[in-house]
Amino acid sequence: MSDLSDLYQEVILDHNRRPRNFHALENASHTADGHNPLCGDRLRLYLKVEDGIIRDVGFEGAGCAISKASASMMTDAIKGRTVTEVDALFQRFHQMVTTPPECPVEDMGKLSSLAGVREFPVRVKCASLAWHTLKAAMSQTPRVSTE
């Protein structure tokens, strides 16, 4: 295995063992549930969007290492970004995991560690579950807090 592959594997394992933003988010303005029936991965995503910016994010759920690591890295990557930036990031991530394995990988920081799923088509759904759940959450009408 190459040094880069070793590094990518370690990033995925780290985010699986210690997922970032792994908690429910009180007063979330947007939520969505994601489920991959092929392998049983499930997650609930919470967003707090204010003035078009994702101010906070959290997730809960259970799944394989790739699914949990992808959700963890995604939450780190989107916090503090505008909804427009997050939509563009979704497009870039989706392209990265769905292009043929022989195509070069765009540098997306830690998210690039998930590009290897392209070689295993059934694992693409594991890596993209959180991202599709994000799209579903962002498409909802925000809940208004009464506090």
C-alpha atoms as a PDB file:
ATOM      1  CA  MET A   1       0.000   0.000   0.000  1.00  0.00           C
ATOM      2  CA  SER A   2       1.308   3.482  -0.788  1.00  0.00           C
ATOM      3  CA  ASP A   3       2.025   6.061   1.897  1.00  0.00           C
ATOM      4  CA  LEU A   4      -0.915   8.138   0.645  1.00  0.00           C
ATOM      5  CA  SER A   5      -3.268   5.139   0.843  1.00  0.00           C
ATOM      6  CA  ASP A   6      -2.033   4.437   4.374  1.00  0.00           C
ATOM      7  CA  LEU A   7      -2.691   8.055   5.346  1.00  0.00           C
ATOM      8  CA  TYR A   8      -6.168   7.996   3.808  1.00  0.00           C
ATOM      9  CA  GLN A   9      -7.001   4.755   5.607  1.00  0.00           C
ATOM     10  CA  GLU A  10      -5.847   6.251   8.913  1.00  0.00           C
ATOM     11  CA  VAL A  11      -8.018   9.357   8.376  1.00  0.00           C
ATOM     12  CA  ILE A  12     -11.080   7.175   7.785  1.00  0.00           C
ATOM     13  CA  LEU A  13     -10.353   4.997  10.816  1.00  0.00           C
ATOM     14  CA  ASP A  14      -9.801   8.055  13.026  1.00  0.00           C
ATOM     15  CA  HIS A  15     -13.124   9.631  12.014  1.00  0.00           C
ATOM     16  CA  ASN A  16     -14.875   6.291  12.529  1.00  0.00           C
ATOM     17  CA  ARG A  17     -13.397   5.777  16.009  1.00  0.00           C
ATOM     18  CA  ARG A  18     -13.879   9.402  17.107  1.00  0.00           C
ATOM     19  CA  PRO A  19     -16.549  10.968  14.917  1.00  0.00           C
ATOM     20  CA  ARG A  20     -16.710  14.742  15.059  1.00  0.00           C
ATOM     21  CA  ASN A  21     -20.054  16.441  15.726  1.00  0.00           C
ATOM     22  CA  PHE A  22     -21.616  13.118  16.765  1.00  0.00           C
ATOM     23  CA  HIS A  23     -24.553  14.421  18.794  1.00  0.00           C
ATOM     24  CA  ALA A  24     -28.115  15.588  18.485  1.00  0.00           C
ATOM     25  CA  LEU A  25     -28.455  19.311  17.973  1.00  0.00           C
ATOM     26  CA  GLU A  26     -31.109  21.076  19.998  1.00  0.00           C
ATOM     27  CA  ASN A  27     -32.956  23.827  18.174  1.00  0.00           C
ATOM     28  CA  ALA A  28     -31.855  22.558  14.754  1.00  0.00           C
ATOM     29  CA  SER A  29     -33.498  24.469  11.953  1.00  0.00           C
ATOM     30  CA  HIS A  30     -33.233  21.507   9.563  1.00  0.00           C
ATOM     31  CA  THR A  31     -33.128  17.741  10.076  1.00  0.00           C
ATOM     32  CA  ALA A  32     -33.241  14.730   7.806  1.00  0.00           C
ATOM     33  CA  ASP A  33     -32.930  10.989   8.140  1.00  0.00           C
ATOM     34  CA  GLY A  34     -30.817   8.871   5.827  1.00  0.00           C
ATOM     35  CA  HIS A  35     -30.874   5.118   5.374  1.00  0.00           C
ATOM     36  CA  ASN A  36     -28.933   2.775   3.114  1.00  0.00           C
ATOM     37  CA  PRO A  37     -31.078  -0.379   2.900  1.00  0.00           C
ATOM     38  CA  LEU A  38     -28.287  -2.318   1.174  1.00  0.00           C
ATOM     39  CA  CYS A  39     -26.099  -2.368   4.288  1.00  0.00           C
ATOM     40  CA  GLY A  40     -28.268  -0.929   7.059  1.00  0.00           C
ATOM     41  CA  ASP A  41     -26.438   2.384   7.576  1.00  0.00           C
ATOM     42  CA  ARG A  42     -28.713   4.953   9.241  1.00  0.00           C
ATOM     43  CA  LEU A  43     -28.192   8.526  10.315  1.00  0.00           C
ATOM     44  CA  ARG A  44     -30.056  11.609  11.403  1.00  0.00           C
ATOM     45  CA  LEU A  45     -28.510  14.934  10.457  1.00  0.00           C
ATOM     46  CA  TYR A  46     -29.144  18.187  12.315  1.00  0.00           C
ATOM     47  CA  LEU A  47     -28.360  21.636  10.922  1.00  0.00           C
ATOM     48  CA  LYS A  48     -28.623  25.058  12.460  1.00  0.00           C
ATOM     49  CA  VAL A  49     -28.767  27.474   9.545  1.00  0.00           C
ATOM     50  CA  GLU A  50     -28.855  31.206  10.249  1.00  0.00           C
ATOM     51  CA  ASP A  51     -28.617  33.939   7.649  1.00  0.00           C
ATOM     52  CA  GLY A  52     -27.688  31.392   4.972  1.00  0.00           C
ATOM     53  CA  ILE A  53     -24.745  30.015   6.988  1.00  0.00           C
ATOM     54  CA  ILE A  54     -24.481  26.601   8.623  1.00  0.00           C
ATOM     55  CA  ARG A  55     -23.714  27.723  12.162  1.00  0.00           C
ATOM     56  CA  ASP A  56     -23.770  24.258  13.715  1.00  0.00           C
ATOM     57  CA  VAL A  57     -24.220  20.654  12.660  1.00  0.00           C
ATOM     58  CA  GLY A  58     -24.544  17.289  14.334  1.00  0.00           C
ATOM     59  CA  PHE A  59     -25.394  13.717  13.460  1.00  0.00           C
ATOM     60  CA  GLU A  60     -26.407  10.503  15.136  1.00  0.00           C
ATOM     61  CA  GLY A  61     -26.667   7.007  13.802  1.00  0.00           C
ATOM     62  CA  ALA A  62     -24.950   3.732  13.156  1.00  0.00           C
ATOM     63  CA  GLY A  63     -23.231   2.286  10.154  1.00  0.00           C
ATOM     64  CA  CYS A  64     -20.031   1.045   8.655  1.00  0.00           C
ATOM     65  CA  ALA A  65     -16.697   2.805   9.088  1.00  0.00           C
ATOM     66  CA  ILE A  66     -16.943   4.564   5.721  1.00  0.00           C
ATOM     67  CA  SER A  67     -20.447   5.856   6.390  1.00  0.00           C
ATOM     68  CA  LYS A  68     -19.598   7.196   9.847  1.00  0.00           C
ATOM     69  CA  ALA A  69     -16.256   8.660   8.750  1.00  0.00           C
ATOM     70  CA  SER A  70     -17.876  10.373   5.766  1.00  0.00           C
ATOM     71  CA  ALA A  71     -20.551  11.937   8.009  1.00  0.00           C
ATOM     72  CA  SER A  72     -17.893  13.083  10.470  1.00  0.00           C
ATOM     73  CA  MET A  73     -15.680  14.636   7.780  1.00  0.00           C
ATOM     74  CA  MET A  74     -18.700  16.216   6.090  1.00  0.00           C
ATOM     75  CA  THR A  75     -19.845  17.903   9.295  1.00  0.00           C
ATOM     76  CA  ASP A  76     -16.351  19.317   9.832  1.00  0.00           C
ATOM     77  CA  ALA A  77     -16.233  20.543   6.235  1.00  0.00           C
ATOM     78  CA  ILE A  78     -19.601  22.327   6.185  1.00  0.00           C
ATOM     79  CA  LYS A  79     -19.653  24.076   9.560  1.00  0.00           C
ATOM     80  CA  GLY A  80     -19.373  27.826   9.060  1.00  0.00           C
ATOM     81  CA  ARG A  81     -19.943  27.698   5.301  1.00  0.00           C
ATOM     82  CA  THR A  82     -22.764  29.282   3.374  1.00  0.00           C
ATOM     83  CA  VAL A  83     -25.537  27.138   1.952  1.00  0.00           C
ATOM     84  CA  THR A  84     -24.265  28.019  -1.538  1.00  0.00           C
ATOM     85  CA  GLU A  85     -20.742  26.870  -0.656  1.00  0.00           C
ATOM     86  CA  VAL A  86     -22.097  23.650   0.826  1.00  0.00           C
ATOM     87  CA  ASP A  87     -24.125  22.940  -2.299  1.00  0.00           C
ATOM     88  CA  ALA A  88     -20.980  23.371  -4.422  1.00  0.00           C
ATOM     89  CA  LEU A  89     -19.033  21.128  -2.019  1.00  0.00           C
ATOM     90  CA  PHE A  90     -21.743  18.465  -2.369  1.00  0.00           C
ATOM     91  CA  GLN A  91     -21.375  18.588  -6.156  1.00  0.00           C
ATOM     92  CA  ARG A  92     -17.579  18.278  -5.955  1.00  0.00           C
ATOM     93  CA  PHE A  93     -17.778  15.391  -3.464  1.00  0.00           C
ATOM     94  CA  HIS A  94     -20.401  13.557  -5.510  1.00  0.00           C
ATOM     95  CA  GLN A  95     -18.288  13.904  -8.639  1.00  0.00           C
ATOM     96  CA  MET A  96     -15.197  12.675  -6.790  1.00  0.00           C
ATOM     97  CA  VAL A  97     -16.825   9.448  -5.563  1.00  0.00           C
ATOM     98  CA  THR A  98     -18.695   8.652  -8.767  1.00  0.00           C
ATOM     99  CA  THR A  99     -16.058   9.237 -11.458  1.00  0.00           C
ATOM    100  CA  PRO A 100     -14.137   6.216 -12.773  1.00  0.00           C
ATOM    101  CA  PRO A 101     -11.208   5.089 -10.581  1.00  0.00           C
ATOM    102  CA  GLU A 102      -8.637   5.911 -13.253  1.00  0.00           C
ATOM    103  CA  CYS A 103      -9.611   9.620 -13.235  1.00  0.00           C
ATOM    104  CA  PRO A 104      -7.492  11.979 -11.147  1.00  0.00           C
ATOM    105  CA  VAL A 105      -8.848  12.990  -7.750  1.00  0.00           C
ATOM    106  CA  GLU A 106      -9.400  16.659  -6.995  1.00  0.00           C
ATOM    107  CA  ASP A 107      -7.683  17.709  -3.777  1.00  0.00           C
ATOM    108  CA  MET A 108     -10.484  18.094  -1.253  1.00  0.00           C
ATOM    109  CA  GLY A 109      -8.350  17.808   1.860  1.00  0.00           C
ATOM    110  CA  LYS A 110      -9.392  14.995   4.183  1.00  0.00           C
ATOM    111  CA  LEU A 111     -12.478  14.358   2.060  1.00  0.00           C
ATOM    112  CA  SER A 112     -10.138  13.047  -0.652  1.00  0.00           C
ATOM    113  CA  SER A 113      -9.531  10.007   1.553  1.00  0.00           C
ATOM    114  CA  LEU A 114     -12.973   8.771   0.502  1.00  0.00           C
ATOM    115  CA  ALA A 115     -12.132   8.753  -3.230  1.00  0.00           C
ATOM    116  CA  GLY A 116     -11.055   5.120  -2.944  1.00  0.00           C
ATOM    117  CA  VAL A 117     -14.695   4.028  -2.782  1.00  0.00           C
ATOM    118  CA  ARG A 118     -14.832   4.550  -6.548  1.00  0.00           C
ATOM    119  CA  GLU A 119     -13.120   1.179  -6.874  1.00  0.00           C
ATOM    120  CA  PHE A 120     -15.963  -0.494  -4.952  1.00  0.00           C
ATOM    121  CA  PRO A 121     -19.274   0.756  -6.376  1.00  0.00           C
ATOM    122  CA  VAL A 122     -21.381  -0.683  -3.553  1.00  0.00           C
ATOM    123  CA  ARG A 123     -19.349   1.422  -1.062  1.00  0.00           C
ATOM    124  CA  VAL A 124     -20.142   4.674  -2.904  1.00  0.00           C
ATOM    125  CA  LYS A 125     -23.550   4.621  -1.218  1.00  0.00           C
ATOM    126  CA  CYS A 126     -21.856   4.305   2.188  1.00  0.00           C
ATOM    127  CA  ALA A 127     -19.663   7.345   1.526  1.00  0.00           C
ATOM    128  CA  SER A 128     -22.454   9.450   0.035  1.00  0.00           C
ATOM    129  CA  LEU A 129     -25.282   8.682   2.504  1.00  0.00           C
ATOM    130  CA  ALA A 130     -24.508  11.649   4.771  1.00  0.00           C
ATOM    131  CA  TRP A 131     -24.157  13.938   1.759  1.00  0.00           C
ATOM    132  CA  HIS A 132     -27.536  12.994   0.294  1.00  0.00           C
ATOM    133  CA  THR A 133     -29.055  13.382   3.755  1.00  0.00           C
ATOM    134  CA  LEU A 134     -27.503  16.858   3.867  1.00  0.00           C
ATOM    135  CA  LYS A 135     -29.166  17.755   0.563  1.00  0.00           C
ATOM    136  CA  ALA A 136     -32.506  16.518   1.922  1.00  0.00           C
ATOM    137  CA  ALA A 137     -32.105  18.567   5.112  1.00  0.00           C
ATOM    138  CA  MET A 138     -31.153  21.745   3.249  1.00  0.00           C
ATOM    139  CA  SER A 139     -34.167  21.426   0.942  1.00  0.00           C
ATOM    140  CA  GLN A 140     -36.598  21.627   3.870  1.00  0.00           C
ATOM    141  CA  THR A 141     -38.359  24.723   5.034  1.00  0.00           C
ATOM    142  CA  PRO A 142     -36.548  25.836   8.190  1.00  0.00           C
ATOM    143  CA  ARG A 143     -38.246  25.334  11.539  1.00  0.00           C
ATOM    144  CA  VAL A 144     -38.640  28.538  13.481  1.00  0.00           C
ATOM    145  CA  SER A 145     -37.469  28.403  17.081  1.00  0.00           C
ATOM    146  CA  THR A 146     -39.940  29.729  19.641  1.00  0.00           C
ATOM    147  CA  GLU A 147     -37.238  30.525  22.174  1.00  0.00           C
END
